[in-house]
Amino acid sequence: NGQILVDGQPACTGFPSSMDVAGVATLRYDGQGNVVDAAQAHLDKHIVHLDLPLDTHVEVMRWANHINVRITMTPRVGGQQGDCGDFDGNPDNDVTGLAVSGNECLFHHLTPVRPSPDHDIDECIRKDPTKYHLALKTCRATEEEVKHTGSAKYGCVFDVCFAGPQYAAQDAAM
């Protein structure tokens, strides 16, 4: 329903607004900040900012059909490991797909996120082949390039098929 919740309760119900979360974090909801995807730069921004412990900052950009997230933090003394790397400058030793144990989680409740079986490129091809071919052209992609679901071209074509060409502006420049 689009609500911002903290411990299951509505928070930052106005725009702009802010709140302190029990001395653990500061939450701010406003239109300030830079977007992750330049394709959305022309739109009104609705960004949730979380200032968390250990100099960690999370920005959630809320759009009509999706969100973008930016997480920034400083390296931890003694090192760290995570999906975004370990700050040693070597991308070859970064680990992806890590799970956070319950006692290390910053949030009280984990929400499982699963890809929707209802949306894939094949659905776009079946339901609207014209839109699919427009997406290929917009993203400068070939049918072979979008067979690999993890590729940037697949992501661009998927975005154009299900959200519209305005979400491909940055990807199309690849």
N, C-alpha and C. Protein backbone atom coordinates (compact mmCIF):
# COMPACT_ATOMS: atom_id res chain seq x y z
N ASN A 1 0.81 -1.20 0.00
CA ASN A 1 0.00 0.00 0.00
C ASN A 1 0.85 1.27 0.00
N GLY A 2 2.17 1.13 -0.06
CA GLY A 2 3.04 2.29 -0.16
C GLY A 2 3.40 2.97 1.15
N GLN A 3 2.89 2.47 2.26
CA GLN A 3 3.21 3.09 3.54
C GLN A 3 4.66 2.84 3.92
N ILE A 4 5.22 3.78 4.66
CA ILE A 4 6.53 3.58 5.28
C ILE A 4 6.23 3.07 6.69
N LEU A 5 6.77 1.91 7.03
CA LEU A 5 6.51 1.31 8.34
C LEU A 5 7.80 1.17 9.13
N VAL A 6 7.70 1.41 10.42
CA VAL A 6 8.80 1.14 11.36
C VAL A 6 8.21 0.25 12.45
N ASP A 7 8.75 -0.93 12.59
CA ASP A 7 8.22 -1.92 13.54
C ASP A 7 6.72 -2.12 13.34
N GLY A 8 6.30 -2.16 12.08
CA GLY A 8 4.91 -2.42 11.74
C GLY A 8 3.97 -1.24 11.89
N GLN A 9 4.49 -0.08 12.29
CA GLN A 9 3.65 1.10 12.49
C GLN A 9 3.96 2.15 11.43
N PRO A 10 2.93 2.86 10.94
CA PRO A 10 3.17 3.91 9.95
C PRO A 10 4.15 4.96 10.48
N ALA A 11 5.06 5.39 9.60
CA ALA A 11 6.06 6.39 9.95
C ALA A 11 6.19 7.37 8.80
N CYS A 12 6.61 8.57 9.10
CA CYS A 12 6.82 9.59 8.06
C CYS A 12 5.62 9.64 7.11
N THR A 13 4.46 9.88 7.67
CA THR A 13 3.23 9.86 6.88
C THR A 13 3.04 11.14 6.06
N GLY A 14 3.78 12.20 6.39
CA GLY A 14 3.72 13.43 5.61
C GLY A 14 4.91 13.53 4.68
N PHE A 15 4.84 14.52 3.80
CA PHE A 15 5.95 14.74 2.87
C PHE A 15 6.24 16.22 2.81
N PRO A 16 7.40 16.66 3.20
CA PRO A 16 8.50 15.90 3.81
C PRO A 16 8.23 15.64 5.28
N SER A 17 8.95 14.69 5.85
CA SER A 17 8.84 14.39 7.28
C SER A 17 10.09 13.64 7.73
N SER A 18 10.25 13.54 9.06
CA SER A 18 11.40 12.81 9.60
C SER A 18 11.05 12.30 10.99
N MET A 19 11.86 11.37 11.48
CA MET A 19 11.66 10.84 12.83
C MET A 19 12.93 10.17 13.31
N ASP A 20 13.05 10.08 14.61
CA ASP A 20 14.14 9.34 15.24
C ASP A 20 13.60 7.96 15.62
N VAL A 21 14.35 6.92 15.34
CA VAL A 21 13.91 5.56 15.65
C VAL A 21 14.68 5.08 16.88
N ALA A 22 14.13 5.35 18.03
CA ALA A 22 14.64 4.87 19.32
C ALA A 22 16.16 5.00 19.47
N GLY A 23 16.71 6.09 18.99
CA GLY A 23 18.14 6.29 19.13
C GLY A 23 18.99 5.37 18.27
N VAL A 24 18.37 4.57 17.41
CA VAL A 24 19.10 3.62 16.57
C VAL A 24 19.31 4.19 15.17
N ALA A 25 18.36 4.95 14.69
CA ALA A 25 18.44 5.46 13.33
C ALA A 25 17.64 6.75 13.21
N THR A 26 17.94 7.49 12.18
CA THR A 26 17.14 8.65 11.82
C THR A 26 16.53 8.35 10.47
N LEU A 27 15.25 8.61 10.36
CA LEU A 27 14.50 8.35 9.13
C LEU A 27 14.00 9.68 8.61
N ARG A 28 14.21 9.93 7.32
CA ARG A 28 13.77 11.16 6.69
C ARG A 28 13.13 10.82 5.35
N TYR A 29 12.01 11.45 5.04
CA TYR A 29 11.30 11.22 3.78
C TYR A 29 11.13 12.58 3.11
N ASP A 30 11.80 12.75 1.95
CA ASP A 30 11.75 14.04 1.26
C ASP A 30 12.11 13.87 -0.21
N GLY A 31 12.32 14.98 -0.88
CA GLY A 31 12.67 14.97 -2.29
C GLY A 31 14.12 15.34 -2.53
N GLN A 32 14.96 15.23 -1.51
CA GLN A 32 16.36 15.61 -1.60
C GLN A 32 17.24 14.41 -1.93
N GLY A 33 18.26 14.62 -2.79
CA GLY A 33 19.22 13.57 -3.08
C GLY A 33 19.32 13.28 -4.56
N ASN A 34 20.35 12.52 -4.91
CA ASN A 34 20.58 12.13 -6.30
C ASN A 34 19.99 10.76 -6.54
N VAL A 35 19.39 10.59 -7.71
CA VAL A 35 18.79 9.30 -8.05
C VAL A 35 19.86 8.32 -8.51
N VAL A 36 19.58 7.02 -8.37
CA VAL A 36 20.49 5.96 -8.80
C VAL A 36 20.50 5.87 -10.32
N ASP A 37 19.34 5.97 -10.92
CA ASP A 37 19.17 5.80 -12.36
C ASP A 37 18.85 7.15 -12.98
N ALA A 38 19.73 7.66 -13.84
CA ALA A 38 19.54 8.96 -14.46
C ALA A 38 18.23 9.05 -15.25
N ALA A 39 17.66 7.91 -15.64
CA ALA A 39 16.40 7.91 -16.38
C ALA A 39 15.26 8.50 -15.56
N GLN A 40 15.40 8.52 -14.24
CA GLN A 40 14.35 9.08 -13.39
C GLN A 40 14.65 10.51 -12.93
N ALA A 41 15.73 11.10 -13.39
CA ALA A 41 16.15 12.43 -12.92
C ALA A 41 15.09 13.50 -13.16
N HIS A 42 14.27 13.36 -14.18
CA HIS A 42 13.26 14.37 -14.50
C HIS A 42 11.99 14.23 -13.65
N LEU A 43 11.85 13.14 -12.92
CA LEU A 43 10.64 12.89 -12.12
C LEU A 43 10.75 13.52 -10.74
N ASP A 44 9.59 13.77 -10.11
CA ASP A 44 9.59 14.21 -8.72
C ASP A 44 10.17 13.11 -7.86
N LYS A 45 11.06 13.47 -6.95
CA LYS A 45 11.73 12.48 -6.11
C LYS A 45 10.97 12.30 -4.80
N HIS A 46 10.85 11.06 -4.39
CA HIS A 46 10.31 10.67 -3.08
C HIS A 46 11.32 9.68 -2.51
N ILE A 47 12.19 10.18 -1.63
CA ILE A 47 13.30 9.37 -1.16
C ILE A 47 13.21 9.19 0.35
N VAL A 48 13.35 7.94 0.79
CA VAL A 48 13.43 7.63 2.21
C VAL A 48 14.92 7.49 2.54
N HIS A 49 15.39 8.29 3.49
CA HIS A 49 16.79 8.27 3.91
C HIS A 49 16.85 7.64 5.30
N LEU A 50 17.71 6.65 5.47
CA LEU A 50 17.94 6.06 6.79
C LEU A 50 19.40 6.27 7.16
N ASP A 51 19.65 6.98 8.25
CA ASP A 51 20.99 7.11 8.80
C ASP A 51 21.10 6.10 9.92
N LEU A 52 21.95 5.09 9.71
CA LEU A 52 22.06 3.96 10.62
C LEU A 52 23.41 3.98 11.34
N PRO A 53 23.56 3.12 12.32
CA PRO A 53 24.85 3.04 13.03
C PRO A 53 26.00 2.70 12.09
N LEU A 54 27.19 2.94 12.56
CA LEU A 54 28.43 2.60 11.86
C LEU A 54 28.55 3.35 10.53
N ASP A 55 28.04 4.58 10.51
CA ASP A 55 28.14 5.44 9.33
C ASP A 55 27.56 4.78 8.08
N THR A 56 26.42 4.11 8.25
CA THR A 56 25.73 3.47 7.14
C THR A 56 24.52 4.32 6.77
N HIS A 57 24.38 4.56 5.48
CA HIS A 57 23.27 5.37 4.99
C HIS A 57 22.54 4.60 3.89
N VAL A 58 21.22 4.51 3.99
CA VAL A 58 20.40 3.82 2.99
C VAL A 58 19.43 4.85 2.42
N GLU A 59 19.34 4.88 1.10
CA GLU A 59 18.37 5.73 0.43
C GLU A 59 17.48 4.83 -0.42
N VAL A 60 16.18 4.96 -0.23
CA VAL A 60 15.20 4.20 -1.01
C VAL A 60 14.43 5.20 -1.85
N MET A 61 14.63 5.12 -3.17
CA MET A 61 13.92 5.99 -4.10
C MET A 61 12.63 5.30 -4.51
N ARG A 62 11.52 5.92 -4.18
CA ARG A 62 10.21 5.32 -4.41
C ARG A 62 9.61 5.87 -5.71
N TRP A 63 9.33 4.96 -6.64
CA TRP A 63 8.73 5.33 -7.91
C TRP A 63 7.37 4.66 -8.03
N ALA A 64 6.64 4.98 -9.08
CA ALA A 64 5.28 4.45 -9.25
C ALA A 64 5.26 2.93 -9.34
N ASN A 65 6.25 2.33 -10.01
CA ASN A 65 6.21 0.89 -10.26
C ASN A 65 7.38 0.12 -9.68
N HIS A 66 8.30 0.79 -9.01
CA HIS A 66 9.47 0.10 -8.48
C HIS A 66 10.20 0.99 -7.48
N ILE A 67 11.26 0.47 -6.91
CA ILE A 67 12.14 1.25 -6.05
C ILE A 67 13.58 1.07 -6.53
N ASN A 68 14.41 2.04 -6.21
CA ASN A 68 15.86 1.91 -6.35
C ASN A 68 16.43 2.11 -4.96
N VAL A 69 17.54 1.45 -4.67
CA VAL A 69 18.16 1.56 -3.35
C VAL A 69 19.64 1.85 -3.51
N ARG A 70 20.14 2.76 -2.67
CA ARG A 70 21.58 3.03 -2.61
C ARG A 70 22.00 2.86 -1.15
N ILE A 71 23.03 2.05 -0.94
CA ILE A 71 23.58 1.86 0.41
C ILE A 71 25.02 2.34 0.38
N THR A 72 25.34 3.25 1.27
CA THR A 72 26.72 3.72 1.38
C THR A 72 27.19 3.51 2.81
N MET A 73 28.47 3.20 2.94
CA MET A 73 29.04 2.98 4.25
C MET A 73 30.55 3.14 4.17
N THR A 74 31.17 3.29 5.31
CA THR A 74 32.62 3.36 5.35
C THR A 74 33.16 1.97 5.67
N PRO A 75 34.39 1.69 5.25
CA PRO A 75 34.97 0.38 5.57
C PRO A 75 35.08 0.18 7.08
N ARG A 76 34.86 -1.03 7.52
CA ARG A 76 34.97 -1.39 8.94
C ARG A 76 36.41 -1.72 9.28
N VAL A 77 36.83 -1.25 10.43
CA VAL A 77 38.16 -1.60 10.92
C VAL A 77 38.22 -3.11 11.09
N GLY A 78 39.27 -3.75 10.60
CA GLY A 78 39.38 -5.20 10.69
C GLY A 78 38.79 -5.91 9.50
N GLY A 79 38.16 -5.16 8.57
CA GLY A 79 37.62 -5.77 7.35
C GLY A 79 36.16 -6.11 7.45
N GLN A 80 35.62 -6.49 6.33
CA GLN A 80 34.21 -6.88 6.24
C GLN A 80 34.02 -7.64 4.95
N GLN A 81 32.88 -8.27 4.81
CA GLN A 81 32.54 -9.00 3.61
C GLN A 81 31.05 -8.82 3.38
N GLY A 82 30.66 -8.65 2.14
CA GLY A 82 29.24 -8.49 1.85
C GLY A 82 28.98 -8.51 0.37
N ASP A 83 27.71 -8.42 0.00
CA ASP A 83 27.33 -8.45 -1.41
C ASP A 83 27.98 -7.33 -2.21
N CYS A 84 28.27 -6.22 -1.57
CA CYS A 84 28.85 -5.08 -2.28
C CYS A 84 30.37 -5.09 -2.24
N GLY A 85 30.97 -6.09 -1.65
CA GLY A 85 32.42 -6.19 -1.64
C GLY A 85 33.02 -6.03 -0.26
N ASP A 86 34.35 -5.96 -0.24
CA ASP A 86 35.05 -5.88 1.04
C ASP A 86 36.02 -4.71 1.11
N PHE A 87 35.91 -3.77 0.18
CA PHE A 87 36.70 -2.54 0.16
C PHE A 87 38.19 -2.78 -0.07
N ASP A 88 38.58 -3.93 -0.61
CA ASP A 88 40.01 -4.13 -0.85
C ASP A 88 40.40 -3.82 -2.30
N GLY A 89 39.44 -3.37 -3.11
CA GLY A 89 39.73 -2.98 -4.48
C GLY A 89 39.82 -4.14 -5.46
N ASN A 90 39.59 -5.36 -5.00
CA ASN A 90 39.69 -6.53 -5.85
C ASN A 90 38.31 -7.16 -6.03
N PRO A 91 37.64 -6.91 -7.15
CA PRO A 91 36.29 -7.44 -7.33
C PRO A 91 36.26 -8.96 -7.47
N ASP A 92 37.40 -9.58 -7.77
CA ASP A 92 37.43 -11.03 -7.96
C ASP A 92 37.22 -11.82 -6.67
N ASN A 93 37.44 -11.20 -5.50
CA ASN A 93 37.26 -11.94 -4.26
C ASN A 93 36.00 -11.51 -3.50
N ASP A 94 35.14 -10.74 -4.15
CA ASP A 94 33.88 -10.34 -3.52
C ASP A 94 32.88 -11.48 -3.59
N VAL A 95 32.11 -11.62 -2.54
CA VAL A 95 31.14 -12.70 -2.42
C VAL A 95 29.75 -12.12 -2.64
N THR A 96 28.89 -12.85 -3.35
CA THR A 96 27.51 -12.40 -3.52
C THR A 96 26.57 -13.45 -2.95
N GLY A 97 25.35 -13.01 -2.62
CA GLY A 97 24.33 -13.93 -2.14
C GLY A 97 24.49 -14.33 -0.69
N LEU A 98 25.16 -13.50 0.12
CA LEU A 98 25.32 -13.83 1.53
C LEU A 98 24.01 -13.66 2.29
N ALA A 99 23.82 -14.45 3.30
CA ALA A 99 22.66 -14.30 4.18
C ALA A 99 23.14 -13.71 5.49
N VAL A 100 22.33 -12.83 6.08
CA VAL A 100 22.66 -12.22 7.35
C VAL A 100 21.96 -13.02 8.45
N SER A 101 22.72 -13.40 9.47
CA SER A 101 22.10 -14.15 10.56
C SER A 101 21.18 -13.24 11.36
N GLY A 102 20.20 -13.82 12.01
CA GLY A 102 19.19 -13.07 12.75
C GLY A 102 19.75 -12.09 13.76
N ASN A 103 20.81 -12.47 14.48
CA ASN A 103 21.33 -11.58 15.51
C ASN A 103 22.15 -10.42 14.92
N GLU A 104 22.50 -10.48 13.62
CA GLU A 104 23.23 -9.39 12.98
C GLU A 104 22.32 -8.48 12.16
N CYS A 105 21.08 -8.86 12.00
CA CYS A 105 20.16 -8.12 11.16
C CYS A 105 19.77 -6.80 11.82
N LEU A 106 19.76 -5.72 11.04
CA LEU A 106 19.36 -4.41 11.55
C LEU A 106 17.86 -4.28 11.70
N PHE A 107 17.11 -5.18 11.08
CA PHE A 107 15.66 -5.07 11.06
C PHE A 107 15.04 -6.20 11.89
N HIS A 108 13.88 -5.93 12.47
CA HIS A 108 13.23 -6.91 13.32
C HIS A 108 12.61 -8.07 12.53
N HIS A 109 12.14 -7.78 11.35
CA HIS A 109 11.47 -8.80 10.55
C HIS A 109 12.07 -8.80 9.15
N LEU A 110 12.45 -9.95 8.66
CA LEU A 110 12.95 -10.07 7.31
C LEU A 110 11.78 -10.37 6.37
N THR A 111 11.75 -9.67 5.26
CA THR A 111 10.73 -9.91 4.24
C THR A 111 11.38 -10.66 3.10
N PRO A 112 10.96 -11.90 2.86
CA PRO A 112 11.57 -12.64 1.74
C PRO A 112 11.24 -11.96 0.42
N VAL A 113 12.23 -11.84 -0.43
CA VAL A 113 12.04 -11.26 -1.75
C VAL A 113 12.33 -12.35 -2.77
N ARG A 114 11.34 -12.62 -3.58
CA ARG A 114 11.48 -13.68 -4.59
C ARG A 114 11.12 -13.11 -5.96
N PRO A 115 11.83 -13.53 -6.99
CA PRO A 115 11.42 -13.12 -8.33
C PRO A 115 10.00 -13.61 -8.61
N SER A 116 9.25 -12.80 -9.29
CA SER A 116 7.89 -13.19 -9.63
C SER A 116 7.89 -14.15 -10.80
N PRO A 117 7.25 -15.30 -10.64
CA PRO A 117 7.15 -16.22 -11.77
C PRO A 117 6.19 -15.68 -12.83
N ASP A 118 5.46 -14.60 -12.48
CA ASP A 118 4.47 -14.05 -13.40
C ASP A 118 5.08 -13.16 -14.47
N HIS A 119 6.29 -12.66 -14.24
CA HIS A 119 6.89 -11.74 -15.19
C HIS A 119 8.25 -12.23 -15.65
N ASP A 120 8.37 -12.45 -16.93
CA ASP A 120 9.65 -12.75 -17.53
C ASP A 120 9.58 -12.31 -18.99
N ILE A 121 10.71 -12.34 -19.65
CA ILE A 121 10.77 -11.89 -21.04
C ILE A 121 9.81 -12.69 -21.93
N ASP A 122 9.67 -13.99 -21.65
CA ASP A 122 8.76 -14.81 -22.47
C ASP A 122 7.33 -14.29 -22.40
N GLU A 123 6.92 -13.80 -21.22
CA GLU A 123 5.58 -13.24 -21.09
C GLU A 123 5.44 -12.01 -21.97
N CYS A 124 6.46 -11.17 -22.01
CA CYS A 124 6.44 -9.99 -22.86
C CYS A 124 6.31 -10.39 -24.32
N ILE A 125 7.06 -11.40 -24.74
CA ILE A 125 7.02 -11.87 -26.13
C ILE A 125 5.62 -12.38 -26.47
N ARG A 126 5.01 -13.17 -25.55
CA ARG A 126 3.68 -13.74 -25.78
C ARG A 126 2.60 -12.66 -25.82
N LYS A 127 2.62 -11.76 -24.85
CA LYS A 127 1.53 -10.81 -24.71
C LYS A 127 1.63 -9.62 -25.65
N ASP A 128 2.85 -9.19 -25.95
CA ASP A 128 2.99 -7.98 -26.77
C ASP A 128 4.30 -8.02 -27.54
N PRO A 129 4.35 -8.81 -28.64
CA PRO A 129 5.59 -8.93 -29.40
C PRO A 129 6.10 -7.58 -29.92
N THR A 130 5.19 -6.66 -30.23
CA THR A 130 5.62 -5.34 -30.70
C THR A 130 6.39 -4.61 -29.61
N LYS A 131 5.89 -4.67 -28.39
CA LYS A 131 6.58 -4.03 -27.26
C LYS A 131 7.94 -4.70 -27.03
N TYR A 132 7.99 -6.02 -27.16
CA TYR A 132 9.25 -6.74 -26.99
C TYR A 132 10.28 -6.27 -28.01
N HIS A 133 9.89 -6.17 -29.27
CA HIS A 133 10.84 -5.73 -30.31
C HIS A 133 11.23 -4.26 -30.11
N LEU A 134 10.31 -3.44 -29.63
CA LEU A 134 10.65 -2.06 -29.29
C LEU A 134 11.67 -2.04 -28.15
N ALA A 135 11.48 -2.92 -27.17
CA ALA A 135 12.41 -3.00 -26.04
C ALA A 135 13.81 -3.41 -26.52
N LEU A 136 13.87 -4.38 -27.44
CA LEU A 136 15.17 -4.79 -27.99
C LEU A 136 15.86 -3.60 -28.67
N LYS A 137 15.08 -2.86 -29.45
CA LYS A 137 15.65 -1.70 -30.16
C LYS A 137 16.07 -0.61 -29.17
N THR A 138 15.21 -0.29 -28.21
CA THR A 138 15.52 0.75 -27.22
C THR A 138 16.78 0.41 -26.44
N CYS A 139 16.94 -0.85 -26.10
CA CYS A 139 18.08 -1.30 -25.29
C CYS A 139 19.29 -1.71 -26.11
N ARG A 140 19.16 -1.58 -27.43
CA ARG A 140 20.25 -1.99 -28.33
C ARG A 140 20.69 -3.42 -28.01
N ALA A 141 19.70 -4.29 -27.90
CA ALA A 141 19.96 -5.68 -27.51
C ALA A 141 19.54 -6.63 -28.62
N THR A 142 20.19 -7.78 -28.64
CA THR A 142 19.80 -8.84 -29.56
C THR A 142 19.02 -9.89 -28.76
N GLU A 143 18.28 -10.73 -29.46
CA GLU A 143 17.55 -11.79 -28.77
C GLU A 143 18.50 -12.71 -28.03
N GLU A 144 19.68 -12.93 -28.57
CA GLU A 144 20.67 -13.79 -27.91
C GLU A 144 21.12 -13.17 -26.58
N GLU A 145 21.30 -11.84 -26.55
CA GLU A 145 21.77 -11.17 -25.33
C GLU A 145 20.76 -11.23 -24.19
N VAL A 146 19.48 -11.33 -24.49
CA VAL A 146 18.48 -11.32 -23.42
C VAL A 146 18.10 -12.73 -22.96
N LYS A 147 18.80 -13.74 -23.47
CA LYS A 147 18.55 -15.10 -22.98
C LYS A 147 19.18 -15.32 -21.61
N HIS A 148 20.11 -14.48 -21.22
CA HIS A 148 20.82 -14.61 -19.94
C HIS A 148 20.19 -13.65 -18.94
N THR A 149 19.42 -14.19 -17.98
CA THR A 149 18.63 -13.35 -17.09
C THR A 149 19.46 -12.41 -16.22
N GLY A 150 20.73 -12.68 -16.02
CA GLY A 150 21.55 -11.81 -15.19
C GLY A 150 22.21 -10.68 -15.94
N SER A 151 22.04 -10.63 -17.26
CA SER A 151 22.74 -9.62 -18.05
C SER A 151 22.05 -8.26 -17.95
N ALA A 152 22.84 -7.22 -18.18
CA ALA A 152 22.30 -5.85 -18.17
C ALA A 152 21.28 -5.67 -19.30
N LYS A 153 21.53 -6.29 -20.44
CA LYS A 153 20.60 -6.17 -21.56
C LYS A 153 19.25 -6.81 -21.20
N TYR A 154 19.27 -7.95 -20.51
CA TYR A 154 18.03 -8.59 -20.07
C TYR A 154 17.27 -7.62 -19.15
N GLY A 155 18.00 -7.03 -18.21
CA GLY A 155 17.36 -6.10 -17.27
C GLY A 155 16.73 -4.92 -17.97
N CYS A 156 17.42 -4.38 -18.96
CA CYS A 156 16.89 -3.25 -19.72
C CYS A 156 15.62 -3.65 -20.47
N VAL A 157 15.66 -4.77 -21.18
CA VAL A 157 14.49 -5.22 -21.94
C VAL A 157 13.33 -5.51 -20.99
N PHE A 158 13.61 -6.14 -19.86
CA PHE A 158 12.58 -6.42 -18.87
C PHE A 158 11.93 -5.11 -18.41
N ASP A 159 12.77 -4.11 -18.07
CA ASP A 159 12.24 -2.82 -17.60
C ASP A 159 11.34 -2.18 -18.64
N VAL A 160 11.76 -2.18 -19.91
CA VAL A 160 10.96 -1.56 -20.96
C VAL A 160 9.65 -2.33 -21.16
N CYS A 161 9.71 -3.66 -21.14
CA CYS A 161 8.49 -4.46 -21.33
C CYS A 161 7.46 -4.22 -20.23
N PHE A 162 7.91 -4.15 -18.98
CA PHE A 162 6.96 -4.13 -17.87
C PHE A 162 6.78 -2.77 -17.21
N ALA A 163 7.69 -1.82 -17.45
CA ALA A 163 7.54 -0.53 -16.81
C ALA A 163 7.50 0.62 -17.81
N GLY A 164 8.05 0.41 -19.00
CA GLY A 164 8.00 1.45 -20.02
C GLY A 164 9.39 1.91 -20.43
N PRO A 165 9.46 2.54 -21.60
CA PRO A 165 10.76 2.93 -22.16
C PRO A 165 11.48 3.99 -21.33
N GLN A 166 10.77 4.74 -20.52
CA GLN A 166 11.42 5.78 -19.71
C GLN A 166 12.43 5.18 -18.71
N TYR A 167 12.31 3.88 -18.40
CA TYR A 167 13.21 3.25 -17.44
C TYR A 167 14.47 2.70 -18.11
N ALA A 168 14.58 2.86 -19.41
CA ALA A 168 15.74 2.29 -20.12
C ALA A 168 16.75 3.34 -20.53
N ALA A 169 16.50 4.60 -20.27
CA ALA A 169 17.36 5.67 -20.77
C ALA A 169 18.82 5.45 -20.41
N GLN A 170 19.09 5.09 -19.17
CA GLN A 170 20.48 4.88 -18.75
C GLN A 170 21.04 3.61 -19.36
N ASP A 171 20.26 2.54 -19.36
CA ASP A 171 20.74 1.26 -19.89
C ASP A 171 20.98 1.32 -21.40
N ALA A 172 20.19 2.09 -22.12
CA ALA A 172 20.30 2.14 -23.58
C ALA A 172 21.62 2.72 -24.02
N ALA A 173 22.31 3.44 -23.16
CA ALA A 173 23.59 4.05 -23.51
C ALA A 173 24.74 3.07 -23.42
N MET A 174 24.45 1.79 -23.08
CA MET A 174 25.52 0.80 -22.92
C MET A 174 26.27 0.59 -24.22
